[in-house]
Amino acid sequence: SYVAWKLSGFPQHRVFGTGTMLDSARFRYMLGEKLKVATTSVHGYVIGEHGDSSVAVWSGVNIAGQNLRAMDTTVGTCEDKEHFSKVHQDVIASAYDIIKLKGYTSWAIG
């Protein structure tokens, strides 16, 4: 991300690394699996630092055009009876699973 930022000439806030893109793709996939809907119907993002310090943007998750938080305001919180926050924890854990299996994550995209 640093090199892309420097070479692009863009302001720092306009450059995103692949880590959060990959986390977001995993997030959408895992939400789709949990809700039993196609991943193409799931929209949501993980932002910030890749991995442990990432943040799932629960207020922005929508499923087939319906905002998930509008249907249940506890989604992603500790009061959430459906345990949606586990989806984000599984996204974080997936990198560790790949490291355990392959020894590195540099070919984990795709």
C-alpha atoms as a PDB file:
ATOM      1  CA  SER A   1       0.000   0.000   0.000  1.00  0.00           C
ATOM      2  CA  TYR A   2       2.819   2.386   0.845  1.00  0.00           C
ATOM      3  CA  VAL A   3       4.509   1.968  -2.533  1.00  0.00           C
ATOM      4  CA  ALA A   4       1.190   2.298  -4.383  1.00  0.00           C
ATOM      5  CA  TRP A   5       0.473   5.484  -2.474  1.00  0.00           C
ATOM      6  CA  LYS A   6       3.874   6.986  -3.229  1.00  0.00           C
ATOM      7  CA  LEU A   7       3.866   6.050  -6.913  1.00  0.00           C
ATOM      8  CA  SER A   8       0.256   7.037  -7.577  1.00  0.00           C
ATOM      9  CA  GLY A   9       0.474  10.556  -6.256  1.00  0.00           C
ATOM     10  CA  PHE A  10      -2.984  10.101  -4.728  1.00  0.00           C
ATOM     11  CA  PRO A  11      -3.758  11.417  -1.264  1.00  0.00           C
ATOM     12  CA  GLN A  12      -3.087   8.739   1.381  1.00  0.00           C
ATOM     13  CA  HIS A  13      -6.810   8.292   2.164  1.00  0.00           C
ATOM     14  CA  ARG A  14      -7.484   7.213  -1.455  1.00  0.00           C
ATOM     15  CA  VAL A  15      -5.179   4.181  -1.465  1.00  0.00           C
ATOM     16  CA  PHE A  16      -6.403   0.816  -0.185  1.00  0.00           C
ATOM     17  CA  GLY A  17      -4.299  -2.299   0.182  1.00  0.00           C
ATOM     18  CA  THR A  18      -5.354  -5.760  -0.952  1.00  0.00           C
ATOM     19  CA  GLY A  19      -5.557  -6.945   2.651  1.00  0.00           C
ATOM     20  CA  THR A  20      -8.828  -5.172   3.353  1.00  0.00           C
ATOM     21  CA  MET A  21     -10.096  -6.038  -0.124  1.00  0.00           C
ATOM     22  CA  LEU A  22      -9.391  -9.701   0.587  1.00  0.00           C
ATOM     23  CA  ASP A  23     -10.930  -9.462   4.067  1.00  0.00           C
ATOM     24  CA  SER A  24     -14.021  -7.813   2.537  1.00  0.00           C
ATOM     25  CA  ALA A  25     -14.361 -10.592  -0.054  1.00  0.00           C
ATOM     26  CA  ARG A  26     -14.087 -13.238   2.667  1.00  0.00           C
ATOM     27  CA  PHE A  27     -16.571 -11.278   4.805  1.00  0.00           C
ATOM     28  CA  ARG A  28     -19.150 -11.198   1.996  1.00  0.00           C
ATOM     29  CA  TYR A  29     -18.627 -14.876   1.232  1.00  0.00           C
ATOM     30  CA  MET A  30     -19.019 -15.926   4.881  1.00  0.00           C
ATOM     31  CA  LEU A  31     -22.106 -13.728   5.353  1.00  0.00           C
ATOM     32  CA  GLY A  32     -23.629 -15.328   2.262  1.00  0.00           C
ATOM     33  CA  GLU A  33     -22.901 -18.777   3.667  1.00  0.00           C
ATOM     34  CA  LYS A  34     -24.443 -17.868   7.040  1.00  0.00           C
ATOM     35  CA  LEU A  35     -27.564 -16.388   5.447  1.00  0.00           C
ATOM     36  CA  LYS A  36     -27.754 -18.992   2.662  1.00  0.00           C
ATOM     37  CA  VAL A  37     -27.764 -16.378  -0.100  1.00  0.00           C
ATOM     38  CA  ALA A  38     -25.506 -15.871  -3.119  1.00  0.00           C
ATOM     39  CA  THR A  39     -22.356 -13.892  -2.416  1.00  0.00           C
ATOM     40  CA  THR A  40     -23.335 -11.576  -5.278  1.00  0.00           C
ATOM     41  CA  SER A  41     -26.322 -10.473  -3.170  1.00  0.00           C
ATOM     42  CA  VAL A  42     -24.120  -9.571  -0.192  1.00  0.00           C
ATOM     43  CA  HIS A  43     -22.486  -6.164   0.124  1.00  0.00           C
ATOM     44  CA  GLY A  44     -20.284  -5.200   3.043  1.00  0.00           C
ATOM     45  CA  TYR A  45     -16.781  -4.099   3.871  1.00  0.00           C
ATOM     46  CA  VAL A  46     -13.963  -4.725   6.279  1.00  0.00           C
ATOM     47  CA  ILE A  47     -11.774  -1.647   6.730  1.00  0.00           C
ATOM     48  CA  GLY A  48      -8.635  -0.597   8.541  1.00  0.00           C
ATOM     49  CA  GLU A  49      -5.593  -2.759   9.036  1.00  0.00           C
ATOM     50  CA  HIS A  50      -5.693  -6.244   7.539  1.00  0.00           C
ATOM     51  CA  GLY A  51      -6.277  -8.961  10.144  1.00  0.00           C
ATOM     52  CA  ASP A  52      -6.642  -8.594  13.898  1.00  0.00           C
ATOM     53  CA  SER A  53      -7.241  -4.852  13.963  1.00  0.00           C
ATOM     54  CA  SER A  54      -9.671  -4.814  11.032  1.00  0.00           C
ATOM     55  CA  VAL A  55     -13.184  -3.423  11.463  1.00  0.00           C
ATOM     56  CA  ALA A  56     -16.358  -4.894   9.985  1.00  0.00           C
ATOM     57  CA  VAL A  57     -18.656  -2.049   8.912  1.00  0.00           C
ATOM     58  CA  TRP A  58     -21.924  -3.595  10.089  1.00  0.00           C
ATOM     59  CA  SER A  59     -23.938  -0.442   9.390  1.00  0.00           C
ATOM     60  CA  GLY A  60     -23.064  -0.782   5.705  1.00  0.00           C
ATOM     61  CA  VAL A  61     -23.936  -4.464   5.225  1.00  0.00           C
ATOM     62  CA  ASN A  62     -26.820  -5.063   2.893  1.00  0.00           C
ATOM     63  CA  ILE A  63     -28.309  -8.272   1.631  1.00  0.00           C
ATOM     64  CA  ALA A  64     -30.139  -8.052  -1.702  1.00  0.00           C
ATOM     65  CA  GLY A  65     -30.621  -4.332  -1.143  1.00  0.00           C
ATOM     66  CA  GLN A  66     -31.833  -4.633   2.460  1.00  0.00           C
ATOM     67  CA  ASN A  67     -29.677  -3.133   5.194  1.00  0.00           C
ATOM     68  CA  LEU A  68     -28.906  -5.860   7.734  1.00  0.00           C
ATOM     69  CA  ARG A  69     -28.768  -3.434  10.669  1.00  0.00           C
ATOM     70  CA  ALA A  70     -32.171  -2.004   9.721  1.00  0.00           C
ATOM     71  CA  MET A  71     -33.600  -5.500  10.180  1.00  0.00           C
ATOM     72  CA  ASP A  72     -31.763  -6.102  13.469  1.00  0.00           C
ATOM     73  CA  THR A  73     -29.946  -3.287  15.258  1.00  0.00           C
ATOM     74  CA  THR A  74     -27.904  -5.749  17.332  1.00  0.00           C
ATOM     75  CA  VAL A  75     -26.095  -7.267  14.315  1.00  0.00           C
ATOM     76  CA  GLY A  76     -22.371  -7.383  15.009  1.00  0.00           C
ATOM     77  CA  THR A  77     -22.717  -6.347  18.658  1.00  0.00           C
ATOM     78  CA  CYS A  78     -22.307  -8.445  21.795  1.00  0.00           C
ATOM     79  CA  GLU A  79     -26.148  -8.496  22.137  1.00  0.00           C
ATOM     80  CA  ASP A  80     -26.504 -10.164  18.728  1.00  0.00           C
ATOM     81  CA  LYS A  81     -28.342 -13.469  19.273  1.00  0.00           C
ATOM     82  CA  GLU A  82     -27.439 -14.650  15.747  1.00  0.00           C
ATOM     83  CA  HIS A  83     -23.692 -14.204  16.490  1.00  0.00           C
ATOM     84  CA  PHE A  84     -22.880 -12.284  13.311  1.00  0.00           C
ATOM     85  CA  SER A  85     -19.686 -10.998  14.926  1.00  0.00           C
ATOM     86  CA  LYS A  86     -18.354 -14.554  14.607  1.00  0.00           C
ATOM     87  CA  VAL A  87     -18.334 -14.012  10.831  1.00  0.00           C
ATOM     88  CA  HIS A  88     -15.801 -11.204  11.270  1.00  0.00           C
ATOM     89  CA  GLN A  89     -13.776 -13.307  13.717  1.00  0.00           C
ATOM     90  CA  ASP A  90     -13.724 -16.124  11.133  1.00  0.00           C
ATOM     91  CA  VAL A  91     -12.451 -13.662   8.507  1.00  0.00           C
ATOM     92  CA  ILE A  92      -9.588 -12.733  10.828  1.00  0.00           C
ATOM     93  CA  ALA A  93      -8.855 -16.378  11.635  1.00  0.00           C
ATOM     94  CA  SER A  94      -8.758 -17.381   7.964  1.00  0.00           C
ATOM     95  CA  ALA A  95      -5.321 -15.802   7.479  1.00  0.00           C
ATOM     96  CA  TYR A  96      -3.978 -17.832  10.399  1.00  0.00           C
ATOM     97  CA  ASP A  97      -5.527 -20.984   8.934  1.00  0.00           C
ATOM     98  CA  ILE A  98      -3.757 -20.335   5.632  1.00  0.00           C
ATOM     99  CA  ILE A  99      -0.433 -19.724   7.395  1.00  0.00           C
ATOM    100  CA  LYS A 100      -0.881 -22.950   9.350  1.00  0.00           C
ATOM    101  CA  LEU A 101      -1.564 -24.910   6.152  1.00  0.00           C
ATOM    102  CA  LYS A 102       0.839 -23.229   3.720  1.00  0.00           C
ATOM    103  CA  GLY A 103       3.363 -21.421   5.916  1.00  0.00           C
ATOM    104  CA  TYR A 104       2.609 -18.027   4.319  1.00  0.00           C
ATOM    105  CA  THR A 105      -0.275 -16.036   2.814  1.00  0.00           C
ATOM    106  CA  SER A 106       1.310 -14.490  -0.279  1.00  0.00           C
ATOM    107  CA  TRP A 107      -0.613 -16.814  -2.647  1.00  0.00           C
ATOM    108  CA  ALA A 108      -3.902 -16.817  -0.695  1.00  0.00           C
ATOM    109  CA  ILE A 109      -5.664 -14.382  -3.033  1.00  0.00           C
ATOM    110  CA  GLY A 110      -7.945 -16.103  -5.497  1.00  0.00           C
END
